[in-house]
Amino acid sequence: MKLEIFTLCESASDYGGKLCILGAFDHVGAPQAPHVIPRCAVVARIRFHRVEEGAHKLRVSVADADGRSVIPNVEAQVAVPFPEHAQSATFNLVVNINGLKLGVFGEYTTDIAVDGMHMGSLPLYFGRTGAPGVT
């Protein structure tokens, strides 16, 4: 299996296997902490090979720099169907998060695991508005 796309964005949708992503980002700025991101999404597109056909367990976590969970882990059991004669198939994951609260300025991380195997990490940098690299 291969993680083809993994991003944090403003919104995303899966329309019949077509993944639509709007506003990918990795920096958030605010005049003060804590700050709440009203709506965002974690998006992944995973390619499975024919020998990996069947059910898989996915887990997404979001944590602060100290490893404390910012939201409850998202866990799902998914089946990956294969079209006839296809050697691989994709699974699109869209996790919508309403009210993501960032408690302190610093770096946060979003991680994804499939069947207990870590597949990828995304940084999210939360800084004071006006600081270098923060908008």
C-alpha atoms as a PDB file:
ATOM      1  CA  MET A   1       0.000   0.000   0.000  1.00  0.00           C
ATOM      2  CA  LYS A   2       1.107   3.550  -0.662  1.00  0.00           C
ATOM      3  CA  LEU A   3      -0.039   6.886   0.729  1.00  0.00           C
ATOM      4  CA  GLU A   4      -0.508   8.974  -2.424  1.00  0.00           C
ATOM      5  CA  ILE A   5      -2.093  12.083  -0.872  1.00  0.00           C
ATOM      6  CA  PHE A   6      -2.107  13.236   2.744  1.00  0.00           C
ATOM      7  CA  THR A   7      -3.019  16.813   3.657  1.00  0.00           C
ATOM      8  CA  LEU A   8      -4.823  19.118   6.033  1.00  0.00           C
ATOM      9  CA  CYS A   9      -7.224  21.449   4.228  1.00  0.00           C
ATOM     10  CA  GLU A  10     -10.188  23.772   4.605  1.00  0.00           C
ATOM     11  CA  SER A  11     -12.618  21.263   3.095  1.00  0.00           C
ATOM     12  CA  ALA A  12     -12.724  18.103   1.006  1.00  0.00           C
ATOM     13  CA  SER A  13     -15.212  15.724  -0.574  1.00  0.00           C
ATOM     14  CA  ASP A  14     -15.189  12.359  -2.277  1.00  0.00           C
ATOM     15  CA  TYR A  15     -17.491  12.346  -5.306  1.00  0.00           C
ATOM     16  CA  GLY A  16     -17.684   8.793  -6.555  1.00  0.00           C
ATOM     17  CA  GLY A  17     -13.976   8.151  -6.132  1.00  0.00           C
ATOM     18  CA  LYS A  18     -12.894  11.629  -7.239  1.00  0.00           C
ATOM     19  CA  LEU A  19     -11.189  13.437  -4.376  1.00  0.00           C
ATOM     20  CA  CYS A  20     -11.828  17.192  -4.249  1.00  0.00           C
ATOM     21  CA  ILE A  21      -9.502  19.185  -1.943  1.00  0.00           C
ATOM     22  CA  LEU A  22      -9.851  22.896  -1.175  1.00  0.00           C
ATOM     23  CA  GLY A  23      -7.300  25.057   0.622  1.00  0.00           C
ATOM     24  CA  ALA A  24      -4.476  22.766   1.771  1.00  0.00           C
ATOM     25  CA  PHE A  25      -2.446  24.380   4.575  1.00  0.00           C
ATOM     26  CA  ASP A  26       0.187  23.737   7.224  1.00  0.00           C
ATOM     27  CA  HIS A  27       0.343  27.139   8.994  1.00  0.00           C
ATOM     28  CA  VAL A  28      -2.314  28.842  11.118  1.00  0.00           C
ATOM     29  CA  GLY A  29      -1.972  32.269  12.649  1.00  0.00           C
ATOM     30  CA  ALA A  30      -3.973  33.995  15.360  1.00  0.00           C
ATOM     31  CA  PRO A  31      -3.419  37.020  17.595  1.00  0.00           C
ATOM     32  CA  GLN A  32      -3.676  34.837  20.710  1.00  0.00           C
ATOM     33  CA  ALA A  33      -3.990  31.272  21.929  1.00  0.00           C
ATOM     34  CA  PRO A  34      -6.109  29.279  22.301  1.00  0.00           C
ATOM     35  CA  HIS A  35      -7.540  29.467  18.797  1.00  0.00           C
ATOM     36  CA  VAL A  36     -10.308  27.434  17.165  1.00  0.00           C
ATOM     37  CA  ILE A  37     -10.239  26.490  13.485  1.00  0.00           C
ATOM     38  CA  PRO A  38     -13.973  26.424  12.732  1.00  0.00           C
ATOM     39  CA  ARG A  39     -13.815  23.788   9.999  1.00  0.00           C
ATOM     40  CA  CYS A  40     -11.038  21.737   8.425  1.00  0.00           C
ATOM     41  CA  ALA A  41     -10.434  18.249   7.070  1.00  0.00           C
ATOM     42  CA  VAL A  42      -7.726  15.615   7.076  1.00  0.00           C
ATOM     43  CA  VAL A  43      -7.545  13.936   3.678  1.00  0.00           C
ATOM     44  CA  ALA A  44      -5.773  10.799   2.517  1.00  0.00           C
ATOM     45  CA  ARG A  45      -5.722   8.781  -0.690  1.00  0.00           C
ATOM     46  CA  ILE A  46      -4.245   5.323  -0.236  1.00  0.00           C
ATOM     47  CA  ARG A  47      -3.420   2.921  -3.064  1.00  0.00           C
ATOM     48  CA  PHE A  48      -3.726  -0.792  -2.320  1.00  0.00           C
ATOM     49  CA  HIS A  49      -2.331  -3.586  -4.494  1.00  0.00           C
ATOM     50  CA  ARG A  50      -4.332  -6.667  -5.409  1.00  0.00           C
ATOM     51  CA  VAL A  51      -2.649  -8.793  -2.708  1.00  0.00           C
ATOM     52  CA  GLU A  52      -3.922  -6.251  -0.098  1.00  0.00           C
ATOM     53  CA  GLU A  53      -7.584  -6.592  -1.120  1.00  0.00           C
ATOM     54  CA  GLY A  54     -10.007  -6.796   1.800  1.00  0.00           C
ATOM     55  CA  ALA A  55     -10.652  -5.044   5.096  1.00  0.00           C
ATOM     56  CA  HIS A  56      -8.182  -2.595   6.645  1.00  0.00           C
ATOM     57  CA  LYS A  57      -8.120  -0.628   9.890  1.00  0.00           C
ATOM     58  CA  LEU A  58      -7.359   3.096   9.567  1.00  0.00           C
ATOM     59  CA  ARG A  59      -6.437   5.470  12.388  1.00  0.00           C
ATOM     60  CA  VAL A  60      -5.947   9.241  12.281  1.00  0.00           C
ATOM     61  CA  SER A  61      -4.626  11.198  15.263  1.00  0.00           C
ATOM     62  CA  VAL A  62      -3.928  14.878  15.930  1.00  0.00           C
ATOM     63  CA  ALA A  63      -1.555  15.788  18.758  1.00  0.00           C
ATOM     64  CA  ASP A  64       0.311  18.767  20.194  1.00  0.00           C
ATOM     65  CA  ALA A  65       4.099  19.015  20.548  1.00  0.00           C
ATOM     66  CA  ASP A  66       3.943  17.060  23.837  1.00  0.00           C
ATOM     67  CA  GLY A  67       2.072  14.175  22.195  1.00  0.00           C
ATOM     68  CA  ARG A  68      -1.269  14.976  23.836  1.00  0.00           C
ATOM     69  CA  SER A  69      -4.300  14.273  21.661  1.00  0.00           C
ATOM     70  CA  VAL A  70      -6.085  17.382  20.433  1.00  0.00           C
ATOM     71  CA  ILE A  71      -9.090  15.397  19.198  1.00  0.00           C
ATOM     72  CA  PRO A  72     -10.135  11.803  19.868  1.00  0.00           C
ATOM     73  CA  ASN A  73      -8.425   9.373  17.490  1.00  0.00           C
ATOM     74  CA  VAL A  74     -10.511   8.597  14.426  1.00  0.00           C
ATOM     75  CA  GLU A  75     -10.644   4.860  13.735  1.00  0.00           C
ATOM     76  CA  ALA A  76     -12.426   3.092  10.913  1.00  0.00           C
ATOM     77  CA  GLN A  77     -12.607  -0.372   9.445  1.00  0.00           C
ATOM     78  CA  VAL A  78     -12.797  -0.089   5.640  1.00  0.00           C
ATOM     79  CA  ALA A  79     -13.131  -2.542   2.775  1.00  0.00           C
ATOM     80  CA  VAL A  80     -11.174  -1.861  -0.377  1.00  0.00           C
ATOM     81  CA  PRO A  81     -13.032  -3.202  -3.427  1.00  0.00           C
ATOM     82  CA  PHE A  82     -11.122  -3.864  -6.651  1.00  0.00           C
ATOM     83  CA  PRO A  83     -12.507  -3.339 -10.135  1.00  0.00           C
ATOM     84  CA  GLU A  84     -12.300  -6.438 -12.300  1.00  0.00           C
ATOM     85  CA  HIS A  85      -8.817  -6.943 -13.803  1.00  0.00           C
ATOM     86  CA  ALA A  86      -7.354  -3.984 -11.841  1.00  0.00           C
ATOM     87  CA  GLN A  87      -4.016  -4.595 -10.136  1.00  0.00           C
ATOM     88  CA  SER A  88      -4.560  -1.742  -7.660  1.00  0.00           C
ATOM     89  CA  ALA A  89      -7.369   0.292  -6.138  1.00  0.00           C
ATOM     90  CA  THR A  90      -7.570   3.495  -4.134  1.00  0.00           C
ATOM     91  CA  PHE A  91      -9.403   4.448  -0.978  1.00  0.00           C
ATOM     92  CA  ASN A  92     -10.184   8.093  -0.252  1.00  0.00           C
ATOM     93  CA  LEU A  93     -10.464   9.170   3.380  1.00  0.00           C
ATOM     94  CA  VAL A  94     -11.995  12.516   4.379  1.00  0.00           C
ATOM     95  CA  VAL A  95     -12.137  13.291   8.102  1.00  0.00           C
ATOM     96  CA  ASN A  96     -14.063  16.514   8.685  1.00  0.00           C
ATOM     97  CA  ILE A  97     -13.130  18.297  11.896  1.00  0.00           C
ATOM     98  CA  ASN A  98     -15.361  21.019  13.284  1.00  0.00           C
ATOM     99  CA  GLY A  99     -13.911  23.253  15.975  1.00  0.00           C
ATOM    100  CA  LEU A 100     -10.263  22.132  16.033  1.00  0.00           C
ATOM    101  CA  LYS A 101      -8.894  23.832  19.151  1.00  0.00           C
ATOM    102  CA  LEU A 102      -5.202  24.725  19.201  1.00  0.00           C
ATOM    103  CA  GLY A 103      -4.388  25.422  22.838  1.00  0.00           C
ATOM    104  CA  VAL A 104      -0.902  26.906  22.613  1.00  0.00           C
ATOM    105  CA  PHE A 105       1.401  28.303  19.938  1.00  0.00           C
ATOM    106  CA  GLY A 106       3.717  25.659  18.522  1.00  0.00           C
ATOM    107  CA  GLU A 107       3.826  22.615  16.275  1.00  0.00           C
ATOM    108  CA  TYR A 108       1.072  20.037  16.040  1.00  0.00           C
ATOM    109  CA  THR A 109       1.107  16.761  14.134  1.00  0.00           C
ATOM    110  CA  THR A 110      -1.453  14.697  12.283  1.00  0.00           C
ATOM    111  CA  ASP A 111      -0.615  11.027  11.788  1.00  0.00           C
ATOM    112  CA  ILE A 112      -2.205   8.216   9.814  1.00  0.00           C
ATOM    113  CA  ALA A 113      -1.799   4.482  10.330  1.00  0.00           C
ATOM    114  CA  VAL A 114      -3.157   1.544   8.341  1.00  0.00           C
ATOM    115  CA  ASP A 115      -3.360  -1.865  10.003  1.00  0.00           C
ATOM    116  CA  GLY A 116      -1.177  -0.539  12.823  1.00  0.00           C
ATOM    117  CA  MET A 117       1.563   0.629  10.436  1.00  0.00           C
ATOM    118  CA  HIS A 118       2.440   4.349  10.454  1.00  0.00           C
ATOM    119  CA  MET A 119       1.954   5.705   6.925  1.00  0.00           C
ATOM    120  CA  GLY A 120       2.577   9.437   7.282  1.00  0.00           C
ATOM    121  CA  SER A 121       2.762  12.602   9.374  1.00  0.00           C
ATOM    122  CA  LEU A 122       1.736  16.190   8.700  1.00  0.00           C
ATOM    123  CA  PRO A 123       3.008  19.190  10.657  1.00  0.00           C
ATOM    124  CA  LEU A 124       0.695  22.056  11.563  1.00  0.00           C
ATOM    125  CA  TYR A 125       2.457  25.201  12.711  1.00  0.00           C
ATOM    126  CA  PHE A 126       0.427  27.529  14.930  1.00  0.00           C
ATOM    127  CA  GLY A 127       1.941  30.962  15.431  1.00  0.00           C
ATOM    128  CA  ARG A 128       1.084  34.474  16.472  1.00  0.00           C
ATOM    129  CA  THR A 129      -0.249  36.596  13.594  1.00  0.00           C
ATOM    130  CA  GLY A 130       2.520  38.854  12.292  1.00  0.00           C
ATOM    131  CA  ALA A 131       5.329  36.451  13.233  1.00  0.00           C
ATOM    132  CA  PRO A 132       7.635  35.378  10.368  1.00  0.00           C
ATOM    133  CA  GLY A 133       5.983  32.737   8.170  1.00  0.00           C
ATOM    134  CA  VAL A 134       2.550  33.191   9.778  1.00  0.00           C
ATOM    135  CA  THR A 135      -0.444  34.676   7.991  1.00  0.00           C
END
